[in-house]
PDB file of all heavy atoms in Angstrom:
ATOM      1  N   TYR A   1     236.876 -56.300 219.845  1.00  0.00           N
ATOM      2  CA  TYR A   1     236.422 -55.949 218.506  1.00  0.00           C
ATOM      3  C   TYR A   1     235.701 -54.615 218.430  1.00  0.00           C
ATOM      4  O   TYR A   1     235.910 -53.855 217.466  1.00  0.00           O
ATOM      5  CB  TYR A   1     235.477 -57.061 217.996  1.00  0.00           C
ATOM      6  CG  TYR A   1     236.189 -58.329 217.588  1.00  0.00           C
ATOM      7  CD1 TYR A   1     235.799 -59.529 218.138  1.00  0.00           C
ATOM      8  CD2 TYR A   1     237.240 -58.334 216.687  1.00  0.00           C
ATOM      9  CE1 TYR A   1     236.436 -60.753 217.794  1.00  0.00           C
ATOM     10  CE2 TYR A   1     237.893 -59.484 216.325  1.00  0.00           C
ATOM     11  CZ  TYR A   1     237.492 -60.690 216.852  1.00  0.00           C
ATOM     12  OH  TYR A   1     238.151 -61.842 216.529  1.00  0.00           O
ATOM     13  N   THR A   2     234.808 -54.335 219.390  1.00  0.00           N
ATOM     14  CA  THR A   2     233.978 -53.152 219.267  1.00  0.00           C
ATOM     15  C   THR A   2     234.606 -51.866 219.770  1.00  0.00           C
ATOM     16  O   THR A   2     234.399 -50.792 219.196  1.00  0.00           O
ATOM     17  CB  THR A   2     232.649 -53.384 220.035  1.00  0.00           C
ATOM     18  OG1 THR A   2     232.908 -53.678 221.413  1.00  0.00           O
ATOM     19  CG2 THR A   2     231.849 -54.496 219.408  1.00  0.00           C
ATOM     20  N   TYR A   3     235.426 -51.962 220.844  1.00  0.00           N
ATOM     21  CA  TYR A   3     235.998 -50.761 221.450  1.00  0.00           C
ATOM     22  C   TYR A   3     236.850 -49.933 220.467  1.00  0.00           C
ATOM     23  O   TYR A   3     236.676 -48.714 220.353  1.00  0.00           O
ATOM     24  CB  TYR A   3     236.788 -51.127 222.697  1.00  0.00           C
ATOM     25  CG  TYR A   3     237.495 -49.949 223.373  1.00  0.00           C
ATOM     26  CD1 TYR A   3     236.784 -48.889 223.942  1.00  0.00           C
ATOM     27  CD2 TYR A   3     238.897 -49.914 223.397  1.00  0.00           C
ATOM     28  CE1 TYR A   3     237.449 -47.842 224.549  1.00  0.00           C
ATOM     29  CE2 TYR A   3     239.567 -48.864 224.001  1.00  0.00           C
ATOM     30  CZ  TYR A   3     238.843 -47.825 224.571  1.00  0.00           C
ATOM     31  OH  TYR A   3     239.481 -46.776 225.178  1.00  0.00           O
ATOM     32  N   PRO A   4     237.758 -50.561 219.711  1.00  0.00           N
ATOM     33  CA  PRO A   4     238.536 -49.724 218.761  1.00  0.00           C
ATOM     34  C   PRO A   4     237.659 -49.077 217.705  1.00  0.00           C
ATOM     35  O   PRO A   4     237.962 -47.940 217.255  1.00  0.00           O
ATOM     36  CB  PRO A   4     239.467 -50.776 218.139  1.00  0.00           C
ATOM     37  CG  PRO A   4     239.610 -51.845 219.164  1.00  0.00           C
ATOM     38  CD  PRO A   4     238.246 -51.950 219.761  1.00  0.00           C
ATOM     39  N   LEU A   5     236.584 -49.748 217.252  1.00  0.00           N
ATOM     40  CA  LEU A   5     235.693 -49.124 216.299  1.00  0.00           C
ATOM     41  C   LEU A   5     235.019 -47.885 216.837  1.00  0.00           C
ATOM     42  O   LEU A   5     234.979 -46.815 216.213  1.00  0.00           O
ATOM     43  CB  LEU A   5     234.606 -50.124 215.893  1.00  0.00           C
ATOM     44  CG  LEU A   5     235.059 -51.407 215.131  1.00  0.00           C
ATOM     45  CD1 LEU A   5     233.924 -52.386 215.027  1.00  0.00           C
ATOM     46  CD2 LEU A   5     235.583 -51.050 213.725  1.00  0.00           C
ATOM     47  N   ILE A   6     234.562 -47.996 218.074  1.00  0.00           N
ATOM     48  CA  ILE A   6     233.913 -46.871 218.738  1.00  0.00           C
ATOM     49  C   ILE A   6     234.865 -45.713 218.937  1.00  0.00           C
ATOM     50  O   ILE A   6     234.541 -44.549 218.650  1.00  0.00           O
ATOM     51  CB  ILE A   6     233.319 -47.340 220.105  1.00  0.00           C
ATOM     52  CG1 ILE A   6     232.171 -48.333 219.907  1.00  0.00           C
ATOM     53  CG2 ILE A   6     232.851 -46.116 220.939  1.00  0.00           C
ATOM     54  CD1 ILE A   6     231.752 -49.051 221.162  1.00  0.00           C
ATOM     55  N   MET A   7     236.065 -46.022 219.367  1.00  0.00           N
ATOM     56  CA  MET A   7     237.060 -44.960 219.648  1.00  0.00           C
ATOM     57  C   MET A   7     237.632 -44.353 218.370  1.00  0.00           C
ATOM     58  O   MET A   7     237.891 -43.145 218.334  1.00  0.00           O
ATOM     59  CB  MET A   7     238.170 -45.501 220.505  1.00  0.00           C
ATOM     60  CG  MET A   7     237.739 -45.953 221.902  1.00  0.00           C
ATOM     61  SD  MET A   7     237.038 -44.590 222.852  1.00  0.00           S
ATOM     62  CE  MET A   7     238.478 -43.622 223.199  1.00  0.00           C
ATOM     63  N   ALA A   8     237.779 -45.142 217.340  1.00  0.00           N
ATOM     64  CA  ALA A   8     238.232 -44.585 216.042  1.00  0.00           C
ATOM     65  C   ALA A   8     237.284 -43.515 215.542  1.00  0.00           C
ATOM     66  O   ALA A   8     237.684 -42.466 215.010  1.00  0.00           O
ATOM     67  CB  ALA A   8     238.437 -45.680 215.039  1.00  0.00           C
ATOM     68  N   LEU A   9     236.007 -43.735 215.701  1.00  0.00           N
ATOM     69  CA  LEU A   9     235.004 -42.759 215.331  1.00  0.00           C
ATOM     70  C   LEU A   9     235.147 -41.474 216.147  1.00  0.00           C
ATOM     71  O   LEU A   9     235.082 -40.383 215.639  1.00  0.00           O
ATOM     72  CB  LEU A   9     233.600 -43.322 215.463  1.00  0.00           C
ATOM     73  CG  LEU A   9     233.117 -44.299 214.377  1.00  0.00           C
ATOM     74  CD1 LEU A   9     231.860 -45.014 214.814  1.00  0.00           C
ATOM     75  CD2 LEU A   9     232.896 -43.542 213.056  1.00  0.00           C
ATOM     76  N   LYS A  10     235.314 -41.646 217.453  1.00  0.00           N
ATOM     77  CA  LYS A  10     235.437 -40.513 218.372  1.00  0.00           C
ATOM     78  C   LYS A  10     236.639 -39.660 218.013  1.00  0.00           C
ATOM     79  O   LYS A  10     236.640 -38.431 218.194  1.00  0.00           O
ATOM     80  CB  LYS A  10     235.462 -40.954 219.843  1.00  0.00           C
ATOM     81  CG  LYS A  10     234.160 -41.520 220.343  1.00  0.00           C
ATOM     82  CD  LYS A  10     234.251 -41.867 221.814  1.00  0.00           C
ATOM     83  CE  LYS A  10     232.939 -42.452 222.328  1.00  0.00           C
ATOM     84  NZ  LYS A  10     231.843 -41.449 222.267  1.00  0.00           N
ATOM     85  N   PHE A  11     237.728 -40.264 217.567  1.00  0.00           N
ATOM     86  CA  PHE A  11     238.946 -39.559 217.296  1.00  0.00           C
ATOM     87  C   PHE A  11     239.078 -39.165 215.814  1.00  0.00           C
ATOM     88  O   PHE A  11     240.099 -38.639 215.403  1.00  0.00           O
ATOM     89  CB  PHE A  11     240.160 -40.399 217.693  1.00  0.00           C
ATOM     90  CG  PHE A  11     240.536 -40.266 219.149  1.00  0.00           C
ATOM     91  CD1 PHE A  11     239.861 -40.950 220.127  1.00  0.00           C
ATOM     92  CD2 PHE A  11     241.565 -39.411 219.533  1.00  0.00           C
ATOM     93  CE1 PHE A  11     240.185 -40.832 221.470  1.00  0.00           C
ATOM     94  CE2 PHE A  11     241.903 -39.282 220.876  1.00  0.00           C
ATOM     95  CZ  PHE A  11     241.222 -39.974 221.845  1.00  0.00           C
ATOM     96  N   ASN A  12     238.014 -39.411 215.064  1.00  0.00           N
ATOM     97  CA  ASN A  12     238.035 -39.128 213.635  1.00  0.00           C
ATOM     98  C   ASN A  12     239.250 -39.704 212.975  1.00  0.00           C
ATOM     99  O   ASN A  12     240.007 -39.050 212.232  1.00  0.00           O
ATOM    100  CB  ASN A  12     237.972 -37.604 213.357  1.00  0.00           C
ATOM    101  CG  ASN A  12     237.746 -37.268 211.891  1.00  0.00           C
ATOM    102  OD1 ASN A  12     237.054 -38.011 211.200  1.00  0.00           O
ATOM    103  ND2 ASN A  12     238.342 -36.191 211.414  1.00  0.00           N
ATOM    104  N   ALA A  13     239.505 -40.983 213.268  1.00  0.00           N
ATOM    105  CA  ALA A  13     240.627 -41.713 212.706  1.00  0.00           C
ATOM    106  C   ALA A  13     240.090 -42.939 211.985  1.00  0.00           C
ATOM    107  O   ALA A  13     240.145 -44.075 212.492  1.00  0.00           O
ATOM    108  CB  ALA A  13     241.619 -42.146 213.823  1.00  0.00           C
ATOM    109  N   PRO A  14     239.535 -42.728 210.765  1.00  0.00           N
ATOM    110  CA  PRO A  14     238.867 -43.822 210.095  1.00  0.00           C
ATOM    111  C   PRO A  14     239.748 -44.994 209.712  1.00  0.00           C
ATOM    112  O   PRO A  14     239.298 -46.132 209.637  1.00  0.00           O
ATOM    113  CB  PRO A  14     238.300 -43.147 208.835  1.00  0.00           C
ATOM    114  CG  PRO A  14     239.068 -41.864 208.677  1.00  0.00           C
ATOM    115  CD  PRO A  14     239.450 -41.473 210.043  1.00  0.00           C
ATOM    116  N   LEU A  15     241.066 -44.738 209.527  1.00  0.00           N
ATOM    117  CA  LEU A  15     241.968 -45.851 209.203  1.00  0.00           C
ATOM    118  C   LEU A  15     242.312 -46.605 210.480  1.00  0.00           C
ATOM    119  O   LEU A  15     243.147 -46.166 211.278  1.00  0.00           O
ATOM    120  CB  LEU A  15     243.229 -45.337 208.535  1.00  0.00           C
ATOM    121  CG  LEU A  15     244.258 -46.397 208.100  1.00  0.00           C
ATOM    122  CD1 LEU A  15     243.634 -47.380 207.135  1.00  0.00           C
ATOM    123  CD2 LEU A  15     245.499 -45.745 207.523  1.00  0.00           C
ATOM    124  N   LEU A  16     241.647 -47.722 210.688  1.00  0.00           N
ATOM    125  CA  LEU A  16     241.829 -48.555 211.897  1.00  0.00           C
ATOM    126  C   LEU A  16     242.549 -49.801 211.540  1.00  0.00           C
ATOM    127  O   LEU A  16     242.080 -50.586 210.664  1.00  0.00           O
ATOM    128  CB  LEU A  16     240.436 -48.857 212.480  1.00  0.00           C
ATOM    129  CG  LEU A  16     240.374 -49.780 213.699  1.00  0.00           C
ATOM    130  CD1 LEU A  16     241.239 -49.263 214.859  1.00  0.00           C
ATOM    131  CD2 LEU A  16     238.938 -49.969 214.155  1.00  0.00           C
ATOM    132  N   VAL A  17     243.678 -50.048 212.157  1.00  0.00           N
ATOM    133  CA  VAL A  17     244.608 -51.091 211.748  1.00  0.00           C
ATOM    134  C   VAL A  17     244.529 -52.312 212.666  1.00  0.00           C
ATOM    135  O   VAL A  17     244.661 -52.191 213.884  1.00  0.00           O
ATOM    136  CB  VAL A  17     246.058 -50.554 211.713  1.00  0.00           C
ATOM    137  CG1 VAL A  17     247.049 -51.626 211.340  1.00  0.00           C
ATOM    138  CG2 VAL A  17     246.146 -49.371 210.723  1.00  0.00           C
ATOM    139  N   TYR A  18     244.352 -53.480 212.043  1.00  0.00           N
ATOM    140  CA  TYR A  18     244.408 -54.759 212.784  1.00  0.00           C
ATOM    141  C   TYR A  18     245.557 -55.605 212.163  1.00  0.00           C
ATOM    142  O   TYR A  18     246.085 -55.299 211.098  1.00  0.00           O
ATOM    143  CB  TYR A  18     243.104 -55.547 212.590  1.00  0.00           C
ATOM    144  CG  TYR A  18     241.906 -54.898 213.257  1.00  0.00           C
ATOM    145  CD1 TYR A  18     241.060 -54.017 212.546  1.00  0.00           C
ATOM    146  CD2 TYR A  18     241.616 -55.125 214.588  1.00  0.00           C
ATOM    147  CE1 TYR A  18     239.985 -53.424 213.146  1.00  0.00           C
ATOM    148  CE2 TYR A  18     240.532 -54.526 215.222  1.00  0.00           C
ATOM    149  CZ  TYR A  18     239.675 -53.685 214.464  1.00  0.00           C
ATOM    150  OH  TYR A  18     238.622 -53.089 215.070  1.00  0.00           O
ATOM    151  N   GLY A  19     245.892 -56.662 212.853  1.00  0.00           N
ATOM    152  CA  GLY A  19     246.987 -57.538 212.431  1.00  0.00           C
ATOM    153  C   GLY A  19     246.565 -58.460 211.309  1.00  0.00           C
ATOM    154  O   GLY A  19     246.437 -58.062 210.154  1.00  0.00           O
ATOM    155  N   GLU A  20     246.318 -59.736 211.653  1.00  0.00           N
ATOM    156  CA  GLU A  20     245.973 -60.694 210.616  1.00  0.00           C
ATOM    157  C   GLU A  20     244.486 -60.966 210.526  1.00  0.00           C
ATOM    158  O   GLU A  20     243.754 -60.826 211.492  1.00  0.00           O
ATOM    159  CB  GLU A  20     246.707 -62.031 210.853  1.00  0.00           C
ATOM    160  CG  GLU A  20     246.185 -62.935 211.937  1.00  0.00           C
ATOM    161  CD  GLU A  20     246.829 -62.658 213.276  1.00  0.00           C
ATOM    162  OE1 GLU A  20     246.835 -61.477 213.678  1.00  0.00           O
ATOM    163  OE2 GLU A  20     247.264 -63.620 213.907  1.00  0.00           O
ATOM    164  N   ASN A  21     244.069 -61.366 209.328  1.00  0.00           N
ATOM    165  CA  ASN A  21     242.723 -61.855 209.088  1.00  0.00           C
ATOM    166  C   ASN A  21     242.688 -63.299 209.574  1.00  0.00           C
ATOM    167  O   ASN A  21     243.135 -64.235 208.850  1.00  0.00           O
ATOM    168  CB  ASN A  21     242.370 -61.755 207.616  1.00  0.00           C
ATOM    169  CG  ASN A  21     240.980 -62.226 207.262  1.00  0.00           C
ATOM    170  OD1 ASN A  21     240.359 -62.915 208.068  1.00  0.00           O
ATOM    171  ND2 ASN A  21     240.550 -61.856 206.106  1.00  0.00           N
ATOM    172  N   ILE A  22     242.214 -63.538 210.789  1.00  0.00           N
ATOM    173  CA  ILE A  22     242.269 -64.836 211.430  1.00  0.00           C
ATOM    174  C   ILE A  22     241.639 -65.935 210.556  1.00  0.00           C
ATOM    175  O   ILE A  22     242.220 -67.008 210.375  1.00  0.00           O
ATOM    176  CB  ILE A  22     241.638 -64.778 212.813  1.00  0.00           C
ATOM    177  CG1 ILE A  22     242.486 -63.914 213.734  1.00  0.00           C
ATOM    178  CG2 ILE A  22     241.535 -66.184 213.398  1.00  0.00           C
ATOM    179  CD1 ILE A  22     241.822 -63.650 215.102  1.00  0.00           C
ATOM    180  N   SER A  23     240.453 -65.662 210.040  1.00  0.00           N
ATOM    181  CA  SER A  23     239.778 -66.666 209.272  1.00  0.00           C
ATOM    182  C   SER A  23     240.527 -67.071 208.007  1.00  0.00           C
ATOM    183  O   SER A  23     240.558 -68.228 207.668  1.00  0.00           O
ATOM    184  CB  SER A  23     238.362 -66.176 208.876  1.00  0.00           C
ATOM    185  OG  SER A  23     237.544 -66.034 209.999  1.00  0.00           O
ATOM    186  N   TYR A  24     241.148 -66.112 207.369  1.00  0.00           N
ATOM    187  CA  TYR A  24     241.884 -66.438 206.136  1.00  0.00           C
ATOM    188  C   TYR A  24     243.267 -67.052 206.435  1.00  0.00           C
ATOM    189  O   TYR A  24     243.646 -68.003 205.762  1.00  0.00           O
ATOM    190  CB  TYR A  24     242.062 -65.179 205.287  1.00  0.00           C
ATOM    191  CG  TYR A  24     242.726 -65.478 203.939  1.00  0.00           C
ATOM    192  CD1 TYR A  24     241.990 -66.096 202.919  1.00  0.00           C
ATOM    193  CD2 TYR A  24     244.059 -65.210 203.720  1.00  0.00           C
ATOM    194  CE1 TYR A  24     242.586 -66.433 201.722  1.00  0.00           C
ATOM    195  CE2 TYR A  24     244.648 -65.541 202.499  1.00  0.00           C
ATOM    196  CZ  TYR A  24     243.907 -66.150 201.500  1.00  0.00           C
ATOM    197  OH  TYR A  24     244.493 -66.491 200.299  1.00  0.00           O
ATOM    198  N   GLU A  25     243.951 -66.513 207.413  1.00  0.00           N
ATOM    199  CA  GLU A  25     245.304 -67.012 207.737  1.00  0.00           C
ATOM    200  C   GLU A  25     245.285 -68.412 208.331  1.00  0.00           C
ATOM    201  O   GLU A  25     246.154 -69.217 208.043  1.00  0.00           O
ATOM    202  CB  GLU A  25     246.012 -66.057 208.691  1.00  0.00           C
ATOM    203  CG  GLU A  25     246.325 -64.685 208.091  1.00  0.00           C
ATOM    204  CD  GLU A  25     247.399 -64.737 207.038  1.00  0.00           C
ATOM    205  OE1 GLU A  25     248.322 -65.611 207.105  1.00  0.00           O
ATOM    206  OE2 GLU A  25     247.306 -63.983 206.059  1.00  0.00           O
ATOM    207  N   TYR A  26     244.288 -68.680 209.201  1.00  0.00           N
ATOM    208  CA  TYR A  26     244.329 -69.932 209.965  1.00  0.00           C
ATOM    209  C   TYR A  26     243.103 -70.832 209.724  1.00  0.00           C
ATOM    210  O   TYR A  26     243.002 -71.895 210.277  1.00  0.00           O
ATOM    211  CB  TYR A  26     244.421 -69.634 211.458  1.00  0.00           C
ATOM    212  CG  TYR A  26     245.527 -68.610 211.750  1.00  0.00           C
ATOM    213  CD1 TYR A  26     245.257 -67.469 212.511  1.00  0.00           C
ATOM    214  CD2 TYR A  26     246.812 -68.771 211.274  1.00  0.00           C
ATOM    215  CE1 TYR A  26     246.237 -66.536 212.756  1.00  0.00           C
ATOM    216  CE2 TYR A  26     247.800 -67.829 211.483  1.00  0.00           C
ATOM    217  CZ  TYR A  26     247.494 -66.723 212.242  1.00  0.00           C
ATOM    218  OH  TYR A  26     248.492 -65.770 212.514  1.00  0.00           O
ATOM    219  N   GLY A  27     242.175 -70.369 208.889  1.00  0.00           N
ATOM    220  CA  GLY A  27     240.964 -71.127 208.581  1.00  0.00           C
ATOM    221  C   GLY A  27     239.833 -70.772 209.501  1.00  0.00           C
ATOM    222  O   GLY A  27     239.958 -70.821 210.721  1.00  0.00           O
ATOM    223  N   GLY A  28     238.709 -70.377 208.918  1.00  0.00           N
ATOM    224  CA  GLY A  28     237.546 -69.993 209.723  1.00  0.00           C
ATOM    225  C   GLY A  28     236.327 -69.751 208.853  1.00  0.00           C
ATOM    226  O   GLY A  28     236.376 -69.784 207.632  1.00  0.00           O
ATOM    227  N   SER A  29     235.225 -69.428 209.548  1.00  0.00           N
ATOM    228  CA  SER A  29     233.944 -69.291 208.870  1.00  0.00           C
ATOM    229  C   SER A  29     233.886 -68.073 207.962  1.00  0.00           C
ATOM    230  O   SER A  29     233.149 -68.055 206.984  1.00  0.00           O
ATOM    231  CB  SER A  29     232.826 -69.201 209.903  1.00  0.00           C
ATOM    232  OG  SER A  29     233.036 -68.155 210.806  1.00  0.00           O
ATOM    233  N   ASP A  30     234.669 -67.046 208.251  1.00  0.00           N
ATOM    234  CA  ASP A  30     234.690 -65.805 207.433  1.00  0.00           C
ATOM    235  C   ASP A  30     235.902 -65.843 206.520  1.00  0.00           C
ATOM    236  O   ASP A  30     236.684 -64.888 206.471  1.00  0.00           O
ATOM    237  CB  ASP A  30     234.675 -64.603 208.365  1.00  0.00           C
ATOM    238  CG  ASP A  30     234.407 -63.314 207.590  1.00  0.00           C
ATOM    239  OD1 ASP A  30     233.702 -63.351 206.603  1.00  0.00           O
ATOM    240  OD2 ASP A  30     234.928 -62.270 208.019  1.00  0.00           O
ATOM    241  N   TYR A  31     236.060 -66.922 205.766  1.00  0.00           N
ATOM    242  CA  TYR A  31     237.282 -67.154 204.973  1.00  0.00           C
ATOM    243  C   TYR A  31     237.192 -66.385 203.662  1.00  0.00           C
ATOM    244  O   TYR A  31     236.490 -66.708 202.730  1.00  0.00           O
ATOM    245  CB  TYR A  31     237.394 -68.653 204.658  1.00  0.00           C
ATOM    246  CG  TYR A  31     238.652 -69.055 203.928  1.00  0.00           C
ATOM    247  CD1 TYR A  31     239.825 -69.270 204.623  1.00  0.00           C
ATOM    248  CD2 TYR A  31     238.665 -69.190 202.550  1.00  0.00           C
ATOM    249  CE1 TYR A  31     241.006 -69.638 203.973  1.00  0.00           C
ATOM    250  CE2 TYR A  31     239.809 -69.575 201.876  1.00  0.00           C
ATOM    251  CZ  TYR A  31     240.987 -69.790 202.595  1.00  0.00           C
ATOM    252  OH  TYR A  31     242.133 -70.154 201.929  1.00  0.00           O
TER     253      TYR A  31
END
């Protein structure tokens, strides 16, 4: 979770892409 955030800042690449929202797609606390 943290490494891509740190590196995106270093590369000045603010658009950071992830796959699915786990909590919403499969049920979770951050729904």
